[in-house]
Amino acid sequence: MTDAQIAALVTEMRADLQIPPYFPELTLQRAVERGVEFLQSLNPVVDLSEDLTGRGLLGSYVLYDINHRTEEFQHNYSWDILRWQMLTPAPTEEEATQDEP
């Protein structure tokens, strides 16, 4: 993801999750970056800037991350993550070959 997309997600997470303005911006940005990396490792074909389910999971991940409870997120959301992975359409052959060098 680009820096602009991360910045937009940080702004969205701060508003949607009601994170107070005094919470450090850099800490929130790092939590979002970790969440994006974690979720993309679980479902690499999804664009989190457009996938609403992925963004919902990202918001939950951020809340758990800023409270240092990411293991609990993985446990509590394992079925939601599995459902998200299973409902994601596989890339077409044309899309798959576009990523290859």
PDB file of N, CA and C in Angstrom:
ATOM      1  N   MET A   1       0.836  -1.184   0.000  1.00  0.00           N
ATOM      2  CA  MET A   1       0.000   0.000   0.000  1.00  0.00           C
ATOM      3  C   MET A   1       0.879   1.244   0.000  1.00  0.00           C
ATOM      4  N   THR A   2       0.362   2.275  -0.599  1.00  0.00           N
ATOM      5  CA  THR A   2       1.107   3.524  -0.661  1.00  0.00           C
ATOM      6  C   THR A   2       0.957   4.299   0.649  1.00  0.00           C
ATOM      7  N   ASP A   3       1.827   5.282   0.815  1.00  0.00           N
ATOM      8  CA  ASP A   3       1.753   6.117   2.014  1.00  0.00           C
ATOM      9  C   ASP A   3       0.429   6.868   2.088  1.00  0.00           C
ATOM     10  N   ALA A   4      -0.083   7.291   0.946  1.00  0.00           N
ATOM     11  CA  ALA A   4      -1.362   8.011   0.912  1.00  0.00           C
ATOM     12  C   ALA A   4      -2.504   7.094   1.355  1.00  0.00           C
ATOM     13  N   GLN A   5      -2.474   5.829   0.939  1.00  0.00           N
ATOM     14  CA  GLN A   5      -3.517   4.886   1.330  1.00  0.00           C
ATOM     15  C   GLN A   5      -3.442   4.602   2.837  1.00  0.00           C
ATOM     16  N   ILE A   6      -2.223   4.465   3.352  1.00  0.00           N
ATOM     17  CA  ILE A   6      -2.039   4.244   4.796  1.00  0.00           C
ATOM     18  C   ILE A   6      -2.558   5.452   5.567  1.00  0.00           C
ATOM     19  N   ALA A   7      -2.219   6.665   5.107  1.00  0.00           N
ATOM     20  CA  ALA A   7      -2.674   7.882   5.782  1.00  0.00           C
ATOM     21  C   ALA A   7      -4.200   7.961   5.791  1.00  0.00           C
ATOM     22  N   ALA A   8      -4.829   7.577   4.683  1.00  0.00           N
ATOM     23  CA  ALA A   8      -6.293   7.581   4.618  1.00  0.00           C
ATOM     24  C   ALA A   8      -6.879   6.559   5.595  1.00  0.00           C
ATOM     25  N   LEU A   9      -6.255   5.392   5.690  1.00  0.00           N
ATOM     26  CA  LEU A   9      -6.722   4.375   6.636  1.00  0.00           C
ATOM     27  C   LEU A   9      -6.556   4.836   8.079  1.00  0.00           C
ATOM     28  N   VAL A  10      -5.448   5.520   8.366  1.00  0.00           N
ATOM     29  CA  VAL A  10      -5.223   6.039   9.719  1.00  0.00           C
ATOM     30  C   VAL A  10      -6.324   7.029  10.080  1.00  0.00           C
ATOM     31  N   THR A  11      -6.642   7.933   9.177  1.00  0.00           N
ATOM     32  CA  THR A  11      -7.702   8.917   9.413  1.00  0.00           C
ATOM     33  C   THR A  11      -9.039   8.225   9.617  1.00  0.00           C
ATOM     34  N   GLU A  12      -9.314   7.226   8.784  1.00  0.00           N
ATOM     35  CA  GLU A  12     -10.564   6.473   8.895  1.00  0.00           C
ATOM     36  C   GLU A  12     -10.640   5.728  10.224  1.00  0.00           C
ATOM     37  N   MET A  13      -9.545   5.072  10.611  1.00  0.00           N
ATOM     38  CA  MET A  13      -9.537   4.313  11.860  1.00  0.00           C
ATOM     39  C   MET A  13      -9.721   5.236  13.062  1.00  0.00           C
ATOM     40  N   ARG A  14      -9.073   6.392  13.040  1.00  0.00           N
ATOM     41  CA  ARG A  14      -9.201   7.333  14.161  1.00  0.00           C
ATOM     42  C   ARG A  14     -10.662   7.766  14.316  1.00  0.00           C
ATOM     43  N   ALA A  15     -11.331   8.046  13.209  1.00  0.00           N
ATOM     44  CA  ALA A  15     -12.726   8.486  13.264  1.00  0.00           C
ATOM     45  C   ALA A  15     -13.668   7.333  13.616  1.00  0.00           C
ATOM     46  N   ASP A  16     -13.542   6.228  12.907  1.00  0.00           N
ATOM     47  CA  ASP A  16     -14.474   5.105  13.088  1.00  0.00           C
ATOM     48  C   ASP A  16     -14.344   4.450  14.464  1.00  0.00           C
ATOM     49  N   LEU A  17     -13.121   4.354  14.964  1.00  0.00           N
ATOM     50  CA  LEU A  17     -12.888   3.669  16.233  1.00  0.00           C
ATOM     51  C   LEU A  17     -12.905   4.621  17.419  1.00  0.00           C
ATOM     52  N   GLN A  18     -13.173   5.896  17.146  1.00  0.00           N
ATOM     53  CA  GLN A  18     -13.232   6.934  18.177  1.00  0.00           C
ATOM     54  C   GLN A  18     -11.955   6.978  19.013  1.00  0.00           C
ATOM     55  N   ILE A  19     -10.834   6.942  18.323  1.00  0.00           N
ATOM     56  CA  ILE A  19      -9.545   7.052  18.993  1.00  0.00           C
ATOM     57  C   ILE A  19      -9.316   8.528  19.289  1.00  0.00           C
ATOM     58  N   PRO A  20      -9.021   8.869  20.535  1.00  0.00           N
ATOM     59  CA  PRO A  20      -8.923  10.281  20.915  1.00  0.00           C
ATOM     60  C   PRO A  20      -7.786  11.010  20.199  1.00  0.00           C
ATOM     61  N   PRO A  21      -7.938  12.318  20.022  1.00  0.00           N
ATOM     62  CA  PRO A  21      -6.930  13.097  19.282  1.00  0.00           C
ATOM     63  C   PRO A  21      -5.567  13.131  19.969  1.00  0.00           C
ATOM     64  N   TYR A  22      -5.525  12.891  21.264  1.00  0.00           N
ATOM     65  CA  TYR A  22      -4.237  12.909  21.960  1.00  0.00           C
ATOM     66  C   TYR A  22      -3.463  11.602  21.811  1.00  0.00           C
ATOM     67  N   PHE A  23      -4.095  10.569  21.239  1.00  0.00           N
ATOM     68  CA  PHE A  23      -3.382   9.313  20.983  1.00  0.00           C
ATOM     69  C   PHE A  23      -2.369   9.579  19.878  1.00  0.00           C
ATOM     70  N   PRO A  24      -1.100   9.193  20.074  1.00  0.00           N
ATOM     71  CA  PRO A  24      -0.049   9.533  19.103  1.00  0.00           C
ATOM     72  C   PRO A  24      -0.331   9.020  17.686  1.00  0.00           C
ATOM     73  N   GLU A  25      -0.186   9.914  16.734  1.00  0.00           N
ATOM     74  CA  GLU A  25      -0.427   9.598  15.325  1.00  0.00           C
ATOM     75  C   GLU A  25       0.500   8.484  14.837  1.00  0.00           C
ATOM     76  N   LEU A  26       1.769   8.556  15.221  1.00  0.00           N
ATOM     77  CA  LEU A  26       2.746   7.557  14.768  1.00  0.00           C
ATOM     78  C   LEU A  26       2.403   6.168  15.305  1.00  0.00           C
ATOM     79  N   THR A  27       1.947   6.091  16.529  1.00  0.00           N
ATOM     80  CA  THR A  27       1.560   4.803  17.114  1.00  0.00           C
ATOM     81  C   THR A  27       0.379   4.207  16.359  1.00  0.00           C
ATOM     82  N   LEU A  28      -0.592   5.040  16.038  1.00  0.00           N
ATOM     83  CA  LEU A  28      -1.746   4.575  15.280  1.00  0.00           C
ATOM     84  C   LEU A  28      -1.343   4.161  13.868  1.00  0.00           C
ATOM     85  N   GLN A  29      -0.466   4.926  13.256  1.00  0.00           N
ATOM     86  CA  GLN A  29      -0.001   4.591  11.906  1.00  0.00           C
ATOM     87  C   GLN A  29       0.716   3.250  11.901  1.00  0.00           C
ATOM     88  N   ARG A  30       1.551   3.004  12.880  1.00  0.00           N
ATOM     89  CA  ARG A  30       2.261   1.718  12.940  1.00  0.00           C
ATOM     90  C   ARG A  30       1.297   0.564  13.178  1.00  0.00           C
ATOM     91  N   ALA A  31       0.266   0.782  13.986  1.00  0.00           N
ATOM     92  CA  ALA A  31      -0.736  -0.264  14.219  1.00  0.00           C
ATOM     93  C   ALA A  31      -1.470  -0.582  12.916  1.00  0.00           C
ATOM     94  N   VAL A  32      -1.808   0.444  12.157  1.00  0.00           N
ATOM     95  CA  VAL A  32      -2.470   0.231  10.862  1.00  0.00           C
ATOM     96  C   VAL A  32      -1.535  -0.513   9.917  1.00  0.00           C
ATOM     97  N   GLU A  33      -0.274  -0.119   9.861  1.00  0.00           N
ATOM     98  CA  GLU A  33       0.684  -0.795   8.973  1.00  0.00           C
ATOM     99  C   GLU A  33       0.842  -2.261   9.345  1.00  0.00           C
ATOM    100  N   ARG A  34       0.927  -2.547  10.649  1.00  0.00           N
ATOM    101  CA  ARG A  34       1.029  -3.948  11.079  1.00  0.00           C
ATOM    102  C   ARG A  34      -0.229  -4.718  10.705  1.00  0.00           C
ATOM    103  N   GLY A  35      -1.384  -4.087  10.881  1.00  0.00           N
ATOM    104  CA  GLY A  35      -2.643  -4.741  10.527  1.00  0.00           C
ATOM    105  C   GLY A  35      -2.748  -5.030   9.046  1.00  0.00           C
ATOM    106  N   VAL A  36      -2.350  -4.060   8.232  1.00  0.00           N
ATOM    107  CA  VAL A  36      -2.379  -4.248   6.776  1.00  0.00           C
ATOM    108  C   VAL A  36      -1.470  -5.409   6.393  1.00  0.00           C
ATOM    109  N   GLU A  37      -0.263  -5.417   6.939  1.00  0.00           N
ATOM    110  CA  GLU A  37       0.682  -6.497   6.609  1.00  0.00           C
ATOM    111  C   GLU A  37       0.147  -7.856   7.059  1.00  0.00           C
ATOM    112  N   PHE A  38      -0.415  -7.903   8.272  1.00  0.00           N
ATOM    113  CA  PHE A  38      -0.952  -9.164   8.789  1.00  0.00           C
ATOM    114  C   PHE A  38      -2.097  -9.665   7.912  1.00  0.00           C
ATOM    115  N   LEU A  39      -3.054  -8.799   7.607  1.00  0.00           N
ATOM    116  CA  LEU A  39      -4.210  -9.227   6.818  1.00  0.00           C
ATOM    117  C   LEU A  39      -3.834  -9.556   5.378  1.00  0.00           C
ATOM    118  N   GLN A  40      -2.881  -8.834   4.807  1.00  0.00           N
ATOM    119  CA  GLN A  40      -2.444  -9.157   3.450  1.00  0.00           C
ATOM    120  C   GLN A  40      -1.674 -10.469   3.414  1.00  0.00           C
ATOM    121  N   SER A  41      -1.032 -10.836   4.512  1.00  0.00           N
ATOM    122  CA  SER A  41      -0.362 -12.141   4.538  1.00  0.00           C
ATOM    123  C   SER A  41      -1.389 -13.274   4.576  1.00  0.00           C
ATOM    124  N   LEU A  42      -2.585 -12.994   5.106  1.00  0.00           N
ATOM    125  CA  LEU A  42      -3.639 -14.008   5.167  1.00  0.00           C
ATOM    126  C   LEU A  42      -4.468 -14.081   3.897  1.00  0.00           C
ATOM    127  N   ASN A  43      -4.555 -12.959   3.173  1.00  0.00           N
ATOM    128  CA  ASN A  43      -5.378 -12.903   1.968  1.00  0.00           C
ATOM    129  C   ASN A  43      -4.716 -11.929   0.991  1.00  0.00           C
ATOM    130  N   PRO A  44      -3.669 -12.380   0.313  1.00  0.00           N
ATOM    131  CA  PRO A  44      -2.869 -11.457  -0.505  1.00  0.00           C
ATOM    132  C   PRO A  44      -3.566 -10.899  -1.741  1.00  0.00           C
ATOM    133  N   VAL A  45      -4.677 -11.474  -2.167  1.00  0.00           N
ATOM    134  CA  VAL A  45      -5.334 -10.980  -3.382  1.00  0.00           C
ATOM    135  C   VAL A  45      -6.297  -9.832  -3.113  1.00  0.00           C
ATOM    136  N   VAL A  46      -6.530  -9.507  -1.850  1.00  0.00           N
ATOM    137  CA  VAL A  46      -7.500  -8.474  -1.491  1.00  0.00           C
ATOM    138  C   VAL A  46      -6.827  -7.112  -1.385  1.00  0.00           C
ATOM    139  N   ASP A  47      -7.517  -6.097  -1.904  1.00  0.00           N
ATOM    140  CA  ASP A  47      -7.084  -4.709  -1.763  1.00  0.00           C
ATOM    141  C   ASP A  47      -7.845  -4.120  -0.585  1.00  0.00           C
ATOM    142  N   LEU A  48      -7.162  -3.893   0.527  1.00  0.00           N
ATOM    143  CA  LEU A  48      -7.826  -3.431   1.743  1.00  0.00           C
ATOM    144  C   LEU A  48      -8.411  -2.034   1.614  1.00  0.00           C
ATOM    145  N   SER A  49      -7.980  -1.289   0.615  1.00  0.00           N
ATOM    146  CA  SER A  49      -8.559   0.040   0.446  1.00  0.00           C
ATOM    147  C   SER A  49      -9.958  -0.034  -0.167  1.00  0.00           C
ATOM    148  N   GLU A  50     -10.328  -1.190  -0.742  1.00  0.00           N
ATOM    149  CA  GLU A  50     -11.645  -1.345  -1.365  1.00  0.00           C
ATOM    150  C   GLU A  50     -12.507  -2.425  -0.720  1.00  0.00           C
ATOM    151  N   ASP A  51     -11.904  -3.375  -0.027  1.00  0.00           N
ATOM    152  CA  ASP A  51     -12.638  -4.497   0.564  1.00  0.00           C
ATOM    153  C   ASP A  51     -13.175  -4.098   1.939  1.00  0.00           C
ATOM    154  N   LEU A  52     -14.492  -3.987   2.051  1.00  0.00           N
ATOM    155  CA  LEU A  52     -15.099  -3.535   3.303  1.00  0.00           C
ATOM    156  C   LEU A  52     -14.939  -4.542   4.434  1.00  0.00           C
ATOM    157  N   THR A  53     -14.995  -5.825   4.117  1.00  0.00           N
ATOM    158  CA  THR A  53     -14.789  -6.837   5.147  1.00  0.00           C
ATOM    159  C   THR A  53     -13.369  -6.763   5.677  1.00  0.00           C
ATOM    160  N   GLY A  54     -12.423  -6.627   4.771  1.00  0.00           N
ATOM    161  CA  GLY A  54     -11.028  -6.495   5.176  1.00  0.00           C
ATOM    162  C   GLY A  54     -10.794  -5.258   6.020  1.00  0.00           C
ATOM    163  N   ARG A  55     -11.448  -4.159   5.662  1.00  0.00           N
ATOM    164  CA  ARG A  55     -11.295  -2.929   6.444  1.00  0.00           C
ATOM    165  C   ARG A  55     -11.920  -3.075   7.828  1.00  0.00           C
ATOM    166  N   GLY A  56     -13.004  -3.806   7.904  1.00  0.00           N
ATOM    167  CA  GLY A  56     -13.605  -4.074   9.211  1.00  0.00           C
ATOM    168  C   GLY A  56     -12.674  -4.889  10.086  1.00  0.00           C
ATOM    169  N   LEU A  57     -12.070  -5.912   9.495  1.00  0.00           N
ATOM    170  CA  LEU A  57     -11.089  -6.708  10.236  1.00  0.00           C
ATOM    171  C   LEU A  57      -9.886  -5.855  10.622  1.00  0.00           C
ATOM    172  N   LEU A  58      -9.478  -4.963   9.728  1.00  0.00           N
ATOM    173  CA  LEU A  58      -8.351  -4.077  10.028  1.00  0.00           C
ATOM    174  C   LEU A  58      -8.665  -3.186  11.221  1.00  0.00           C
ATOM    175  N   GLY A  59      -9.864  -2.643  11.271  1.00  0.00           N
ATOM    176  CA  GLY A  59     -10.250  -1.815  12.409  1.00  0.00           C
ATOM    177  C   GLY A  59     -10.185  -2.589  13.715  1.00  0.00           C
ATOM    178  N   SER A  60     -10.687  -3.808  13.696  1.00  0.00           N
ATOM    179  CA  SER A  60     -10.632  -4.643  14.901  1.00  0.00           C
ATOM    180  C   SER A  60      -9.190  -4.956  15.265  1.00  0.00           C
ATOM    181  N   TYR A  61      -8.370  -5.255  14.254  1.00  0.00           N
ATOM    182  CA  TYR A  61      -6.967  -5.542  14.517  1.00  0.00           C
ATOM    183  C   TYR A  61      -6.285  -4.345  15.176  1.00  0.00           C
ATOM    184  N   VAL A  62      -6.563  -3.156  14.669  1.00  0.00           N
ATOM    185  CA  VAL A  62      -5.943  -1.941  15.213  1.00  0.00           C
ATOM    186  C   VAL A  62      -6.309  -1.773  16.683  1.00  0.00           C
ATOM    187  N   LEU A  63      -7.582  -1.988  17.021  1.00  0.00           N
ATOM    188  CA  LEU A  63      -7.977  -1.878  18.427  1.00  0.00           C
ATOM    189  C   LEU A  63      -7.221  -2.869  19.306  1.00  0.00           C
ATOM    190  N   TYR A  64      -7.103  -4.089  18.841  1.00  0.00           N
ATOM    191  CA  TYR A  64      -6.366  -5.085  19.608  1.00  0.00           C
ATOM    192  C   TYR A  64      -4.878  -4.733  19.665  1.00  0.00           C
ATOM    193  N   ASP A  65      -4.338  -4.228  18.568  1.00  0.00           N
ATOM    194  CA  ASP A  65      -2.914  -3.903  18.507  1.00  0.00           C
ATOM    195  C   ASP A  65      -2.557  -2.776  19.469  1.00  0.00           C
ATOM    196  N   ILE A  66      -3.370  -1.725  19.508  1.00  0.00           N
ATOM    197  CA  ILE A  66      -3.005  -0.610  20.385  1.00  0.00           C
ATOM    198  C   ILE A  66      -3.169  -0.978  21.863  1.00  0.00           C
ATOM    199  N   ASN A  67      -3.857  -2.090  22.110  1.00  0.00           N
ATOM    200  CA  ASN A  67      -3.970  -2.600  23.478  1.00  0.00           C
ATOM    201  C   ASN A  67      -3.059  -3.811  23.717  1.00  0.00           C
ATOM    202  N   HIS A  68      -2.166  -4.073  22.769  1.00  0.00           N
ATOM    203  CA  HIS A  68      -1.165  -5.148  22.870  1.00  0.00           C
ATOM    204  C   HIS A  68      -1.805  -6.520  23.053  1.00  0.00           C
ATOM    205  N   ARG A  69      -2.851  -6.798  22.267  1.00  0.00           N
ATOM    206  CA  ARG A  69      -3.579  -8.063  22.376  1.00  0.00           C
ATOM    207  C   ARG A  69      -3.801  -8.719  21.016  1.00  0.00           C
ATOM    208  N   THR A  70      -2.813  -8.699  20.141  1.00  0.00           N
ATOM    209  CA  THR A  70      -3.008  -9.235  18.798  1.00  0.00           C
ATOM    210  C   THR A  70      -3.250 -10.746  18.803  1.00  0.00           C
ATOM    211  N   GLU A  71      -2.712 -11.457  19.784  1.00  0.00           N
ATOM    212  CA  GLU A  71      -2.974 -12.900  19.850  1.00  0.00           C
ATOM    213  C   GLU A  71      -4.454 -13.157  20.105  1.00  0.00           C
ATOM    214  N   GLU A  72      -5.064 -12.314  20.927  1.00  0.00           N
ATOM    215  CA  GLU A  72      -6.492 -12.451  21.190  1.00  0.00           C
ATOM    216  C   GLU A  72      -7.314 -12.138  19.936  1.00  0.00           C
ATOM    217  N   PHE A  73      -6.849 -11.180  19.147  1.00  0.00           N
ATOM    218  CA  PHE A  73      -7.524 -10.886  17.881  1.00  0.00           C
ATOM    219  C   PHE A  73      -7.523 -12.127  17.011  1.00  0.00           C
ATOM    220  N   GLN A  74      -6.381 -12.763  16.881  1.00  0.00           N
ATOM    221  CA  GLN A  74      -6.285 -13.949  16.031  1.00  0.00           C
ATOM    222  C   GLN A  74      -7.226 -15.048  16.529  1.00  0.00           C
ATOM    223  N   HIS A  75      -7.324 -15.203  17.822  1.00  0.00           N
ATOM    224  CA  HIS A  75      -8.207 -16.223  18.387  1.00  0.00           C
ATOM    225  C   HIS A  75      -9.674 -15.840  18.198  1.00  0.00           C
ATOM    226  N   ASN A  76     -10.027 -14.611  18.549  1.00  0.00           N
ATOM    227  CA  ASN A  76     -11.424 -14.176  18.513  1.00  0.00           C
ATOM    228  C   ASN A  76     -11.977 -14.031  17.101  1.00  0.00           C
ATOM    229  N   TYR A  77     -11.135 -13.718  16.141  1.00  0.00           N
ATOM    230  CA  TYR A  77     -11.595 -13.463  14.784  1.00  0.00           C
ATOM    231  C   TYR A  77     -11.208 -14.563  13.791  1.00  0.00           C
ATOM    232  N   SER A  78     -10.781 -15.710  14.287  1.00  0.00           N
ATOM    233  CA  SER A  78     -10.310 -16.765  13.376  1.00  0.00           C
ATOM    234  C   SER A  78     -11.403 -17.204  12.401  1.00  0.00           C
ATOM    235  N   TRP A  79     -12.646 -17.333  12.853  1.00  0.00           N
ATOM    236  CA  TRP A  79     -13.726 -17.748  11.956  1.00  0.00           C
ATOM    237  C   TRP A  79     -14.068 -16.649  10.962  1.00  0.00           C
ATOM    238  N   ASP A  80     -14.018 -15.409  11.398  1.00  0.00           N
ATOM    239  CA  ASP A  80     -14.288 -14.296  10.483  1.00  0.00           C
ATOM    240  C   ASP A  80     -13.215 -14.207   9.404  1.00  0.00           C
ATOM    241  N   ILE A  81     -11.977 -14.439   9.807  1.00  0.00           N
ATOM    242  CA  ILE A  81     -10.870 -14.401   8.843  1.00  0.00           C
ATOM    243  C   ILE A  81     -11.002 -15.548   7.848  1.00  0.00           C
ATOM    244  N   LEU A  82     -11.334 -16.735   8.338  1.00  0.00           N
ATOM    245  CA  LEU A  82     -11.508 -17.888   7.452  1.00  0.00           C
ATOM    246  C   LEU A  82     -12.649 -17.642   6.457  1.00  0.00           C
ATOM    247  N   ARG A  83     -13.752 -17.104   6.943  1.00  0.00           N
ATOM    248  CA  ARG A  83     -14.886 -16.791   6.066  1.00  0.00           C
ATOM    249  C   ARG A  83     -14.470 -15.760   5.012  1.00  0.00           C
ATOM    250  N   TRP A  84     -13.755 -14.745   5.433  1.00  0.00           N
ATOM    251  CA  TRP A  84     -13.270 -13.702   4.527  1.00  0.00           C
ATOM    252  C   TRP A  84     -12.379 -14.305   3.446  1.00  0.00           C
ATOM    253  N   GLN A  85     -11.474 -15.197   3.861  1.00  0.00           N
ATOM    254  CA  GLN A  85     -10.585 -15.852   2.897  1.00  0.00           C
ATOM    255  C   GLN A  85     -11.372 -16.714   1.912  1.00  0.00           C
ATOM    256  N   MET A  86     -12.338 -17.456   2.431  1.00  0.00           N
ATOM    257  CA  MET A  86     -13.087 -18.377   1.576  1.00  0.00           C
ATOM    258  C   MET A  86     -14.014 -17.645   0.606  1.00  0.00           C
ATOM    259  N   LEU A  87     -14.515 -16.485   0.978  1.00  0.00           N
ATOM    260  CA  LEU A  87     -15.432 -15.744   0.117  1.00  0.00           C
ATOM    261  C   LEU A  87     -14.723 -14.828  -0.880  1.00  0.00           C
ATOM    262  N   THR A  88     -13.416 -14.718  -0.759  1.00  0.00           N
ATOM    263  CA  THR A  88     -12.656 -13.902  -1.700  1.00  0.00           C
ATOM    264  C   THR A  88     -12.499 -14.667  -3.006  1.00  0.00           C
ATOM    265  N   PRO A  89     -12.952 -14.090  -4.116  1.00  0.00           N
ATOM    266  CA  PRO A  89     -12.810 -14.801  -5.389  1.00  0.00           C
ATOM    267  C   PRO A  89     -11.342 -14.958  -5.773  1.00  0.00           C
ATOM    268  N   ALA A  90     -11.037 -16.090  -6.331  1.00  0.00           N
ATOM    269  CA  ALA A  90      -9.673 -16.331  -6.804  1.00  0.00           C
ATOM    270  C   ALA A  90      -9.395 -15.421  -7.996  1.00  0.00           C
ATOM    271  N   PRO A  91      -8.151 -14.965  -8.137  1.00  0.00           N
ATOM    272  CA  PRO A  91      -7.841 -14.119  -9.291  1.00  0.00           C
ATOM    273  C   PRO A  91      -7.997 -14.906 -10.590  1.00  0.00           C
ATOM    274  N   THR A  92      -8.424 -14.218 -11.620  1.00  0.00           N
ATOM    275  CA  THR A  92      -8.525 -14.860 -12.924  1.00  0.00           C
ATOM    276  C   THR A  92      -7.126 -15.160 -13.426  1.00  0.00           C
ATOM    277  N   GLU A  93      -7.036 -15.980 -14.448  1.00  0.00           N
ATOM    278  CA  GLU A  93      -5.730 -16.330 -15.004  1.00  0.00           C
ATOM    279  C   GLU A  93      -5.014 -15.084 -15.517  1.00  0.00           C
ATOM    280  N   GLU A  94      -5.766 -14.173 -16.094  1.00  0.00           N
ATOM    281  CA  GLU A  94      -5.185 -12.935 -16.624  1.00  0.00           C
ATOM    282  C   GLU A  94      -4.628 -12.073 -15.487  1.00  0.00           C
ATOM    283  N   GLU A  95      -5.367 -11.958 -14.385  1.00  0.00           N
ATOM    284  CA  GLU A  95      -4.900 -11.182 -13.236  1.00  0.00           C
ATOM    285  C   GLU A  95      -3.678 -11.817 -12.606  1.00  0.00           C
ATOM    286  N   ALA A  96      -3.652 -13.132 -12.548  1.00  0.00           N
ATOM    287  CA  ALA A  96      -2.528 -13.839 -11.945  1.00  0.00           C
ATOM    288  C   ALA A  96      -1.247 -13.650 -12.777  1.00  0.00           C
ATOM    289  N   THR A  97      -1.369 -13.619 -14.085  1.00  0.00           N
ATOM    290  CA  THR A  97      -0.168 -13.476 -14.917  1.00  0.00           C
ATOM    291  C   THR A  97       0.318 -12.034 -14.962  1.00  0.00           C
ATOM    292  N   GLN A  98      -0.540 -11.067 -14.619  1.00  0.00           N
ATOM    293  CA  GLN A  98      -0.099  -9.669 -14.591  1.00  0.00           C
ATOM    294  C   GLN A  98       0.918  -9.421 -13.488  1.00  0.00           C
ATOM    295  N   ASP A  99       0.841 -10.179 -12.406  1.00  0.00           N
ATOM    296  CA  ASP A  99       1.756 -10.003 -11.283  1.00  0.00           C
ATOM    297  C   ASP A  99       3.112 -10.638 -11.512  1.00  0.00           C
ATOM    298  N   GLU A 100       3.202 -11.558 -12.458  1.00  0.00           N
ATOM    299  CA  GLU A 100       4.459 -12.249 -12.705  1.00  0.00           C
ATOM    300  C   GLU A 100       5.396 -11.353 -13.503  1.00  0.00           C
ATOM    301  N   PRO A 101       6.724 -11.462 -13.248  1.00  0.00           N
ATOM    302  CA  PRO A 101       7.679 -10.620 -14.000  1.00  0.00           C
ATOM    303  C   PRO A 101       7.848 -11.040 -15.424  1.00  0.00           C
TER     304      PRO A 101
END
